[in-house]
PDB file of N, CA and C in Angstrom:
ATOM      1  N   MET A   1     -19.640  28.183 -32.120  1.00  0.00           N
ATOM      2  CA  MET A   1     -19.664  29.271 -31.163  1.00  0.00           C
ATOM      3  C   MET A   1     -20.351  28.802 -29.887  1.00  0.00           C
ATOM      4  N   VAL A   2     -19.793  29.173 -28.758  1.00  0.00           N
ATOM      5  CA  VAL A   2     -20.326  28.788 -27.462  1.00  0.00           C
ATOM      6  C   VAL A   2     -21.461  29.739 -27.092  1.00  0.00           C
ATOM      7  N   LYS A   3     -22.563  29.174 -26.666  1.00  0.00           N
ATOM      8  CA  LYS A   3     -23.710  29.989 -26.264  1.00  0.00           C
ATOM      9  C   LYS A   3     -23.408  30.663 -24.935  1.00  0.00           C
ATOM     10  N   LYS A   4     -23.817  31.908 -24.806  1.00  0.00           N
ATOM     11  CA  LYS A   4     -23.602  32.683 -23.588  1.00  0.00           C
ATOM     12  C   LYS A   4     -24.887  32.753 -22.784  1.00  0.00           C
ATOM     13  N   PHE A   5     -24.730  32.882 -21.487  1.00  0.00           N
ATOM     14  CA  PHE A   5     -25.867  32.968 -20.572  1.00  0.00           C
ATOM     15  C   PHE A   5     -25.625  34.070 -19.564  1.00  0.00           C
ATOM     16  N   ARG A   6     -26.711  34.616 -19.042  1.00  0.00           N
ATOM     17  CA  ARG A   6     -26.659  35.564 -17.932  1.00  0.00           C
ATOM     18  C   ARG A   6     -27.464  34.971 -16.789  1.00  0.00           C
ATOM     19  N   MET A   7     -26.881  34.989 -15.609  1.00  0.00           N
ATOM     20  CA  MET A   7     -27.560  34.479 -14.437  1.00  0.00           C
ATOM     21  C   MET A   7     -28.597  35.506 -13.982  1.00  0.00           C
ATOM     22  N   VAL A   8     -29.824  35.046 -13.758  1.00  0.00           N
ATOM     23  CA  VAL A   8     -30.867  35.979 -13.327  1.00  0.00           C
ATOM     24  C   VAL A   8     -31.393  35.680 -11.936  1.00  0.00           C
ATOM     25  N   GLY A   9     -31.040  34.549 -11.369  1.00  0.00           N
ATOM     26  CA  GLY A   9     -31.487  34.263 -10.016  1.00  0.00           C
ATOM     27  C   GLY A   9     -31.262  32.828  -9.610  1.00  0.00           C
ATOM     28  N   ILE A  10     -31.592  32.575  -8.363  1.00  0.00           N
ATOM     29  CA  ILE A  10     -31.492  31.227  -7.808  1.00  0.00           C
ATOM     30  C   ILE A  10     -32.635  31.072  -6.812  1.00  0.00           C
ATOM     31  N   ASN A  11     -33.343  29.950  -6.900  1.00  0.00           N
ATOM     32  CA  ASN A  11     -34.448  29.712  -5.967  1.00  0.00           C
ATOM     33  C   ASN A  11     -34.847  28.239  -6.025  1.00  0.00           C
ATOM     34  N   ASP A  12     -35.973  27.937  -5.402  1.00  0.00           N
ATOM     35  CA  ASP A  12     -36.472  26.562  -5.393  1.00  0.00           C
ATOM     36  C   ASP A  12     -37.797  26.447  -6.143  1.00  0.00           C
ATOM     37  N   ASP A  13     -38.045  27.358  -7.110  1.00  0.00           N
ATOM     38  CA  ASP A  13     -39.292  27.331  -7.873  1.00  0.00           C
ATOM     39  C   ASP A  13     -39.382  26.145  -8.824  1.00  0.00           C
ATOM     40  N   ALA A  14     -38.262  25.556  -9.168  1.00  0.00           N
ATOM     41  CA  ALA A  14     -38.243  24.376 -10.034  1.00  0.00           C
ATOM     42  C   ALA A  14     -37.364  23.328  -9.358  1.00  0.00           C
ATOM     43  N   SER A  15     -37.509  22.084  -9.771  1.00  0.00           N
ATOM     44  CA  SER A  15     -36.700  21.028  -9.163  1.00  0.00           C
ATOM     45  C   SER A  15     -36.029  20.148 -10.207  1.00  0.00           C
ATOM     46  N   GLU A  16     -36.051  20.596 -11.481  1.00  0.00           N
ATOM     47  CA  GLU A  16     -35.456  19.811 -12.564  1.00  0.00           C
ATOM     48  C   GLU A  16     -34.502  20.683 -13.365  1.00  0.00           C
ATOM     49  N   CYS A  17     -33.368  20.108 -13.754  1.00  0.00           N
ATOM     50  CA  CYS A  17     -32.364  20.815 -14.555  1.00  0.00           C
ATOM     51  C   CYS A  17     -32.741  20.736 -16.030  1.00  0.00           C
ATOM     52  N   SER A  18     -32.725  21.879 -16.700  1.00  0.00           N
ATOM     53  CA  SER A  18     -33.049  21.934 -18.128  1.00  0.00           C
ATOM     54  C   SER A  18     -31.940  21.352 -18.997  1.00  0.00           C
ATOM     55  N   CYS A  19     -30.755  21.200 -18.437  1.00  0.00           N
ATOM     56  CA  CYS A  19     -29.619  20.697 -19.204  1.00  0.00           C
ATOM     57  C   CYS A  19     -29.540  19.165 -19.167  1.00  0.00           C
ATOM     58  N   CYS A  20     -29.448  18.616 -17.968  1.00  0.00           N
ATOM     59  CA  CYS A  20     -29.241  17.174 -17.835  1.00  0.00           C
ATOM     60  C   CYS A  20     -30.509  16.406 -17.470  1.00  0.00           C
ATOM     61  N   GLY A  21     -31.565  17.125 -17.070  1.00  0.00           N
ATOM     62  CA  GLY A  21     -32.824  16.474 -16.720  1.00  0.00           C
ATOM     63  C   GLY A  21     -32.895  15.941 -15.305  1.00  0.00           C
ATOM     64  N   ARG A  22     -31.856  16.163 -14.525  1.00  0.00           N
ATOM     65  CA  ARG A  22     -31.855  15.677 -13.141  1.00  0.00           C
ATOM     66  C   ARG A  22     -33.045  16.267 -12.387  1.00  0.00           C
ATOM     67  N   GLN A  23     -33.694  15.449 -11.578  1.00  0.00           N
ATOM     68  CA  GLN A  23     -34.883  15.882 -10.852  1.00  0.00           C
ATOM     69  C   GLN A  23     -34.634  15.848  -9.353  1.00  0.00           C
ATOM     70  N   GLY A  24     -35.508  16.512  -8.612  1.00  0.00           N
ATOM     71  CA  GLY A  24     -35.405  16.520  -7.160  1.00  0.00           C
ATOM     72  C   GLY A  24     -34.372  17.497  -6.639  1.00  0.00           C
ATOM     73  N   LEU A  25     -34.043  18.523  -7.420  1.00  0.00           N
ATOM     74  CA  LEU A  25     -33.051  19.508  -6.985  1.00  0.00           C
ATOM     75  C   LEU A  25     -33.636  20.411  -5.909  1.00  0.00           C
ATOM     76  N   LYS A  26     -32.838  20.738  -4.911  1.00  0.00           N
ATOM     77  CA  LYS A  26     -33.300  21.610  -3.825  1.00  0.00           C
ATOM     78  C   LYS A  26     -33.329  23.069  -4.255  1.00  0.00           C
ATOM     79  N   ARG A  27     -32.434  23.451  -5.183  1.00  0.00           N
ATOM     80  CA  ARG A  27     -32.436  24.814  -5.721  1.00  0.00           C
ATOM     81  C   ARG A  27     -31.915  24.753  -7.152  1.00  0.00           C
ATOM     82  N   VAL A  28     -32.319  25.737  -7.920  1.00  0.00           N
ATOM     83  CA  VAL A  28     -31.878  25.834  -9.305  1.00  0.00           C
ATOM     84  C   VAL A  28     -31.391  27.253  -9.579  1.00  0.00           C
ATOM     85  N   VAL A  29     -30.503  27.357 -10.540  1.00  0.00           N
ATOM     86  CA  VAL A  29     -29.997  28.639 -11.002  1.00  0.00           C
ATOM     87  C   VAL A  29     -30.720  28.948 -12.311  1.00  0.00           C
ATOM     88  N   TRP A  30     -31.286  30.141 -12.399  1.00  0.00           N
ATOM     89  CA  TRP A  30     -32.006  30.541 -13.608  1.00  0.00           C
ATOM     90  C   TRP A  30     -31.048  31.279 -14.526  1.00  0.00           C
ATOM     91  N   LEU A  31     -30.871  30.756 -15.744  1.00  0.00           N
ATOM     92  CA  LEU A  31     -29.978  31.352 -16.722  1.00  0.00           C
ATOM     93  C   LEU A  31     -30.777  31.832 -17.929  1.00  0.00           C
ATOM     94  N   MET A  32     -30.456  33.048 -18.383  1.00  0.00           N
ATOM     95  CA  MET A  32     -31.081  33.636 -19.560  1.00  0.00           C
ATOM     96  C   MET A  32     -30.114  33.469 -20.732  1.00  0.00           C
ATOM     97  N   PRO A  33     -30.544  32.819 -21.819  1.00  0.00           N
ATOM     98  CA  PRO A  33     -29.658  32.733 -22.984  1.00  0.00           C
ATOM     99  C   PRO A  33     -29.503  34.102 -23.638  1.00  0.00           C
ATOM    100  N   LEU A  34     -28.307  34.373 -24.161  1.00  0.00           N
ATOM    101  CA  LEU A  34     -28.012  35.653 -24.787  1.00  0.00           C
ATOM    102  C   LEU A  34     -27.627  35.450 -26.246  1.00  0.00           C
ATOM    103  N   ASP A  35     -27.960  36.441 -27.086  1.00  0.00           N
ATOM    104  CA  ASP A  35     -27.528  36.377 -28.479  1.00  0.00           C
ATOM    105  C   ASP A  35     -26.084  36.879 -28.569  1.00  0.00           C
ATOM    106  N   VAL A  36     -25.541  36.960 -29.781  1.00  0.00           N
ATOM    107  CA  VAL A  36     -24.138  37.338 -29.954  1.00  0.00           C
ATOM    108  C   VAL A  36     -23.851  38.762 -29.483  1.00  0.00           C
ATOM    109  N   ASP A  37     -24.878  39.618 -29.430  1.00  0.00           N
ATOM    110  CA  ASP A  37     -24.705  40.992 -28.966  1.00  0.00           C
ATOM    111  C   ASP A  37     -24.901  41.143 -27.460  1.00  0.00           C
ATOM    112  N   GLY A  38     -25.232  40.046 -26.777  1.00  0.00           N
ATOM    113  CA  GLY A  38     -25.442  40.093 -25.335  1.00  0.00           C
ATOM    114  C   GLY A  38     -26.853  40.448 -24.928  1.00  0.00           C
ATOM    115  N   ASN A  39     -27.791  40.417 -25.870  1.00  0.00           N
ATOM    116  CA  ASN A  39     -29.197  40.710 -25.572  1.00  0.00           C
ATOM    117  C   ASN A  39     -29.930  39.420 -25.219  1.00  0.00           C
ATOM    118  N   PRO A  40     -30.919  39.501 -24.319  1.00  0.00           N
ATOM    119  CA  PRO A  40     -31.685  38.300 -23.964  1.00  0.00           C
ATOM    120  C   PRO A  40     -32.318  37.658 -25.197  1.00  0.00           C
ATOM    121  N   GLU A  41     -32.261  36.331 -25.226  1.00  0.00           N
ATOM    122  CA  GLU A  41     -32.803  35.574 -26.354  1.00  0.00           C
ATOM    123  C   GLU A  41     -33.612  34.412 -25.790  1.00  0.00           C
ATOM    124  N   GLY A  42     -34.914  34.567 -25.721  1.00  0.00           N
ATOM    125  CA  GLY A  42     -35.747  33.522 -25.160  1.00  0.00           C
ATOM    126  C   GLY A  42     -36.021  33.768 -23.695  1.00  0.00           C
ATOM    127  N   ASP A  43     -36.431  32.706 -23.016  1.00  0.00           N
ATOM    128  CA  ASP A  43     -36.802  32.796 -21.603  1.00  0.00           C
ATOM    129  C   ASP A  43     -35.732  32.156 -20.731  1.00  0.00           C
ATOM    130  N   ALA A  44     -35.668  32.610 -19.485  1.00  0.00           N
ATOM    131  CA  ALA A  44     -34.753  32.006 -18.520  1.00  0.00           C
ATOM    132  C   ALA A  44     -35.218  30.584 -18.221  1.00  0.00           C
ATOM    133  N   ALA A  45     -34.259  29.711 -17.975  1.00  0.00           N
ATOM    134  CA  ALA A  45     -34.564  28.310 -17.691  1.00  0.00           C
ATOM    135  C   ALA A  45     -33.798  27.876 -16.441  1.00  0.00           C
ATOM    136  N   PRO A  46     -34.334  26.883 -15.715  1.00  0.00           N
ATOM    137  CA  PRO A  46     -33.671  26.419 -14.491  1.00  0.00           C
ATOM    138  C   PRO A  46     -32.574  25.385 -14.788  1.00  0.00           C
ATOM    139  N   TYR A  47     -31.454  25.539 -14.106  1.00  0.00           N
ATOM    140  CA  TYR A  47     -30.332  24.609 -14.232  1.00  0.00           C
ATOM    141  C   TYR A  47     -29.832  24.262 -12.842  1.00  0.00           C
ATOM    142  N   GLY A  48     -29.378  23.037 -12.678  1.00  0.00           N
ATOM    143  CA  GLY A  48     -28.730  22.651 -11.436  1.00  0.00           C
ATOM    144  C   GLY A  48     -27.425  23.425 -11.296  1.00  0.00           C
ATOM    145  N   THR A  49     -26.887  23.498 -10.092  1.00  0.00           N
ATOM    146  CA  THR A  49     -25.689  24.304  -9.873  1.00  0.00           C
ATOM    147  C   THR A  49     -24.493  23.808 -10.676  1.00  0.00           C
ATOM    148  N   SER A  50     -24.344  22.495 -10.833  1.00  0.00           N
ATOM    149  CA  SER A  50     -23.209  21.970 -11.606  1.00  0.00           C
ATOM    150  C   SER A  50     -23.348  22.310 -13.083  1.00  0.00           C
ATOM    151  N   CYS A  51     -24.535  22.126 -13.631  1.00  0.00           N
ATOM    152  CA  CYS A  51     -24.754  22.444 -15.048  1.00  0.00           C
ATOM    153  C   CYS A  51     -24.622  23.946 -15.280  1.00  0.00           C
ATOM    154  N   ALA A  52     -25.138  24.755 -14.352  1.00  0.00           N
ATOM    155  CA  ALA A  52     -25.019  26.208 -14.481  1.00  0.00           C
ATOM    156  C   ALA A  52     -23.549  26.621 -14.456  1.00  0.00           C
ATOM    157  N   ALA A  53     -22.766  26.028 -13.566  1.00  0.00           N
ATOM    158  CA  ALA A  53     -21.339  26.352 -13.481  1.00  0.00           C
ATOM    159  C   ALA A  53     -20.635  25.969 -14.783  1.00  0.00           C
ATOM    160  N   THR A  54     -21.006  24.845 -15.369  1.00  0.00           N
ATOM    161  CA  THR A  54     -20.425  24.424 -16.642  1.00  0.00           C
ATOM    162  C   THR A  54     -20.777  25.419 -17.742  1.00  0.00           C
ATOM    163  N   LEU A  55     -22.050  25.785 -17.837  1.00  0.00           N
ATOM    164  CA  LEU A  55     -22.492  26.721 -18.871  1.00  0.00           C
ATOM    165  C   LEU A  55     -21.890  28.109 -18.696  1.00  0.00           C
ATOM    166  N   MET A  56     -21.597  28.501 -17.456  1.00  0.00           N
ATOM    167  CA  MET A  56     -21.013  29.809 -17.190  1.00  0.00           C
ATOM    168  C   MET A  56     -19.492  29.797 -17.353  1.00  0.00           C
ATOM    169  N   GLY A  57     -18.921  28.611 -17.627  1.00  0.00           N
ATOM    170  CA  GLY A  57     -17.501  28.516 -17.941  1.00  0.00           C
ATOM    171  C   GLY A  57     -16.553  28.330 -16.775  1.00  0.00           C
ATOM    172  N   TYR A  58     -17.040  27.806 -15.659  1.00  0.00           N
ATOM    173  CA  TYR A  58     -16.163  27.562 -14.516  1.00  0.00           C
ATOM    174  C   TYR A  58     -15.249  26.378 -14.808  1.00  0.00           C
ATOM    175  N   ALA A  59     -13.998  26.459 -14.334  1.00  0.00           N
ATOM    176  CA  ALA A  59     -13.006  25.427 -14.613  1.00  0.00           C
ATOM    177  C   ALA A  59     -13.361  24.086 -13.976  1.00  0.00           C
ATOM    178  N   TYR A  60     -13.846  24.100 -12.738  1.00  0.00           N
ATOM    179  CA  TYR A  60     -14.189  22.866 -12.038  1.00  0.00           C
ATOM    180  C   TYR A  60     -15.642  22.956 -11.583  1.00  0.00           C
ATOM    181  N   PRO A  61     -16.579  22.766 -12.514  1.00  0.00           N
ATOM    182  CA  PRO A  61     -17.989  23.027 -12.211  1.00  0.00           C
ATOM    183  C   PRO A  61     -18.605  22.145 -11.139  1.00  0.00           C
ATOM    184  N   LYS A  62     -18.052  20.983 -10.892  1.00  0.00           N
ATOM    185  CA  LYS A  62     -18.653  20.093  -9.896  1.00  0.00           C
ATOM    186  C   LYS A  62     -18.067  20.293  -8.504  1.00  0.00           C
ATOM    187  N   SER A  63     -17.073  21.154  -8.380  1.00  0.00           N
ATOM    188  CA  SER A  63     -16.471  21.384  -7.058  1.00  0.00           C
ATOM    189  C   SER A  63     -17.412  22.200  -6.192  1.00  0.00           C
ATOM    190  N   SER A  64     -17.306  22.014  -4.902  1.00  0.00           N
ATOM    191  CA  SER A  64     -18.166  22.765  -3.991  1.00  0.00           C
ATOM    192  C   SER A  64     -17.835  24.254  -4.029  1.00  0.00           C
ATOM    193  N   ALA A  65     -16.582  24.607  -4.291  1.00  0.00           N
ATOM    194  CA  ALA A  65     -16.208  26.020  -4.384  1.00  0.00           C
ATOM    195  C   ALA A  65     -16.901  26.681  -5.572  1.00  0.00           C
ATOM    196  N   SER A  66     -16.963  25.991  -6.706  1.00  0.00           N
ATOM    197  CA  SER A  66     -17.654  26.537  -7.882  1.00  0.00           C
ATOM    198  C   SER A  66     -19.142  26.678  -7.622  1.00  0.00           C
ATOM    199  N   LYS A  67     -19.716  25.708  -6.945  1.00  0.00           N
ATOM    200  CA  LYS A  67     -21.143  25.778  -6.628  1.00  0.00           C
ATOM    201  C   LYS A  67     -21.435  26.957  -5.701  1.00  0.00           C
ATOM    202  N   ARG A  68     -20.585  27.163  -4.706  1.00  0.00           N
ATOM    203  CA  ARG A  68     -20.776  28.311  -3.803  1.00  0.00           C
ATOM    204  C   ARG A  68     -20.632  29.623  -4.565  1.00  0.00           C
ATOM    205  N   LYS A  69     -19.660  29.670  -5.480  1.00  0.00           N
ATOM    206  CA  LYS A  69     -19.446  30.893  -6.244  1.00  0.00           C
ATOM    207  C   LYS A  69     -20.637  31.184  -7.155  1.00  0.00           C
ATOM    208  N   ILE A  70     -21.167  30.174  -7.811  1.00  0.00           N
ATOM    209  CA  ILE A  70     -22.304  30.377  -8.695  1.00  0.00           C
ATOM    210  C   ILE A  70     -23.525  30.805  -7.890  1.00  0.00           C
ATOM    211  N   GLU A  71     -23.696  30.252  -6.694  1.00  0.00           N
ATOM    212  CA  GLU A  71     -24.812  30.648  -5.838  1.00  0.00           C
ATOM    213  C   GLU A  71     -24.651  32.097  -5.372  1.00  0.00           C
ATOM    214  N   ALA A  72     -23.431  32.492  -5.027  1.00  0.00           N
ATOM    215  CA  ALA A  72     -23.187  33.875  -4.604  1.00  0.00           C
ATOM    216  C   ALA A  72     -23.446  34.848  -5.753  1.00  0.00           C
ATOM    217  N   GLU A  73     -23.025  34.486  -6.962  1.00  0.00           N
ATOM    218  CA  GLU A  73     -23.273  35.340  -8.121  1.00  0.00           C
ATOM    219  C   GLU A  73     -24.765  35.434  -8.425  1.00  0.00           C
ATOM    220  N   ALA A  74     -25.480  34.347  -8.229  1.00  0.00           N
ATOM    221  CA  ALA A  74     -26.921  34.361  -8.465  1.00  0.00           C
ATOM    222  C   ALA A  74     -27.626  35.273  -7.472  1.00  0.00           C
ATOM    223  N   VAL A  75     -27.193  35.248  -6.227  1.00  0.00           N
ATOM    224  CA  VAL A  75     -27.785  36.137  -5.216  1.00  0.00           C
ATOM    225  C   VAL A  75     -27.507  37.587  -5.585  1.00  0.00           C
ATOM    226  N   MET A  76     -26.293  37.891  -6.046  1.00  0.00           N
ATOM    227  CA  MET A  76     -25.976  39.255  -6.455  1.00  0.00           C
ATOM    228  C   MET A  76     -26.826  39.670  -7.659  1.00  0.00           C
ATOM    229  N   ALA A  77     -27.054  38.746  -8.594  1.00  0.00           N
ATOM    230  CA  ALA A  77     -27.888  39.052  -9.762  1.00  0.00           C
ATOM    231  C   ALA A  77     -29.321  39.341  -9.336  1.00  0.00           C
ATOM    232  N   MET A  78     -29.840  38.573  -8.377  1.00  0.00           N
ATOM    233  CA  MET A  78     -31.198  38.815  -7.889  1.00  0.00           C
ATOM    234  C   MET A  78     -31.287  40.172  -7.208  1.00  0.00           C
ATOM    235  N   ARG A  79     -30.294  40.507  -6.414  1.00  0.00           N
ATOM    236  CA  ARG A  79     -30.300  41.810  -5.736  1.00  0.00           C
ATOM    237  C   ARG A  79     -30.286  42.945  -6.743  1.00  0.00           C
ATOM    238  N   GLN A  80     -29.481  42.790  -7.799  1.00  0.00           N
ATOM    239  CA  GLN A  80     -29.414  43.818  -8.827  1.00  0.00           C
ATOM    240  C   GLN A  80     -30.751  43.959  -9.542  1.00  0.00           C
ATOM    241  N   THR A  81     -31.419  42.850  -9.797  1.00  0.00           N
ATOM    242  CA  THR A  81     -32.731  42.881 -10.435  1.00  0.00           C
ATOM    243  C   THR A  81     -33.729  43.633  -9.563  1.00  0.00           C
ATOM    244  N   VAL A  82     -33.712  43.372  -8.278  1.00  0.00           N
ATOM    245  CA  VAL A  82     -34.618  44.061  -7.347  1.00  0.00           C
ATOM    246  C   VAL A  82     -34.284  45.552  -7.293  1.00  0.00           C
ATOM    247  N   GLU A  83     -32.994  45.876  -7.202  1.00  0.00           N
ATOM    248  CA  GLU A  83     -32.594  47.286  -7.171  1.00  0.00           C
ATOM    249  C   GLU A  83     -33.029  48.016  -8.439  1.00  0.00           C
ATOM    250  N   ASP A  84     -32.874  47.370  -9.601  1.00  0.00           N
ATOM    251  CA  ASP A  84     -33.295  47.977 -10.865  1.00  0.00           C
ATOM    252  C   ASP A  84     -34.803  48.201 -10.889  1.00  0.00           C
ATOM    253  N   ALA A  85     -35.561  47.245 -10.370  1.00  0.00           N
ATOM    254  CA  ALA A  85     -37.024  47.379 -10.330  1.00  0.00           C
ATOM    255  C   ALA A  85     -37.438  48.513  -9.400  1.00  0.00           C
ATOM    256  N   VAL A  86     -36.816  48.612  -8.247  1.00  0.00           N
ATOM    257  CA  VAL A  86     -37.134  49.683  -7.295  1.00  0.00           C
ATOM    258  C   VAL A  86     -36.789  51.040  -7.900  1.00  0.00           C
ATOM    259  N   THR A  87     -35.645  51.133  -8.554  1.00  0.00           N
ATOM    260  CA  THR A  87     -35.247  52.387  -9.202  1.00  0.00           C
ATOM    261  C   THR A  87     -36.257  52.767 -10.280  1.00  0.00           C
ATOM    262  N   GLY A  88     -36.702  51.801 -11.066  1.00  0.00           N
ATOM    263  CA  GLY A  88     -37.701  52.066 -12.094  1.00  0.00           C
ATOM    264  C   GLY A  88     -39.018  52.550 -11.510  1.00  0.00           C
ATOM    265  N   ILE A  89     -39.434  51.960 -10.417  1.00  0.00           N
ATOM    266  CA  ILE A  89     -40.683  52.376  -9.751  1.00  0.00           C
ATOM    267  C   ILE A  89     -40.543  53.789  -9.203  1.00  0.00           C
ATOM    268  N   ARG A  90     -39.397  54.067  -8.594  1.00  0.00           N
ATOM    269  CA  ARG A  90     -39.176  55.408  -8.046  1.00  0.00           C
ATOM    270  C   ARG A  90     -39.206  56.466  -9.149  1.00  0.00           C
ATOM    271  N   LYS A  91     -38.566  56.184 -10.278  1.00  0.00           N
ATOM    272  CA  LYS A  91     -38.546  57.125 -11.390  1.00  0.00           C
ATOM    273  C   LYS A  91     -39.947  57.351 -11.953  1.00  0.00           C
ATOM    274  N   ALA A  92     -40.737  56.290 -11.998  1.00  0.00           N
ATOM    275  CA  ALA A  92     -42.097  56.382 -12.546  1.00  0.00           C
ATOM    276  C   ALA A  92     -43.013  57.203 -11.652  1.00  0.00           C
ATOM    277  N   HIS A  93     -42.727  57.263 -10.373  1.00  0.00           N
ATOM    278  CA  HIS A  93     -43.607  57.947  -9.430  1.00  0.00           C
ATOM    279  C   HIS A  93     -43.053  59.288  -8.951  1.00  0.00           C
ATOM    280  N   MET A  94     -42.075  59.826  -9.633  1.00  0.00           N
ATOM    281  CA  MET A  94     -41.519  61.139  -9.252  1.00  0.00           C
ATOM    282  C   MET A  94     -42.102  62.215 -10.120  1.00  0.00           C
TER     283      MET A  94
END
């Protein structure tokens, strides 16, 4: 069975890929491993854009188009995380 991941963000907080060990990366994609039911399993880990694209199932993970797409999806995931946090704070203070 292929392991599933959810993208949770992209930043420069780490410079090493958890998959291939490549170092000196300018940005990494943070992926959360998921169990068979789609629930988070463990902690998010940093991956280079090519490795993240491979793990997310892109057909041509090393292409620049795939890298741009994975980066765009990561930005959308970060925005959703922020929106969810703001909504939670608003609900808690109403």
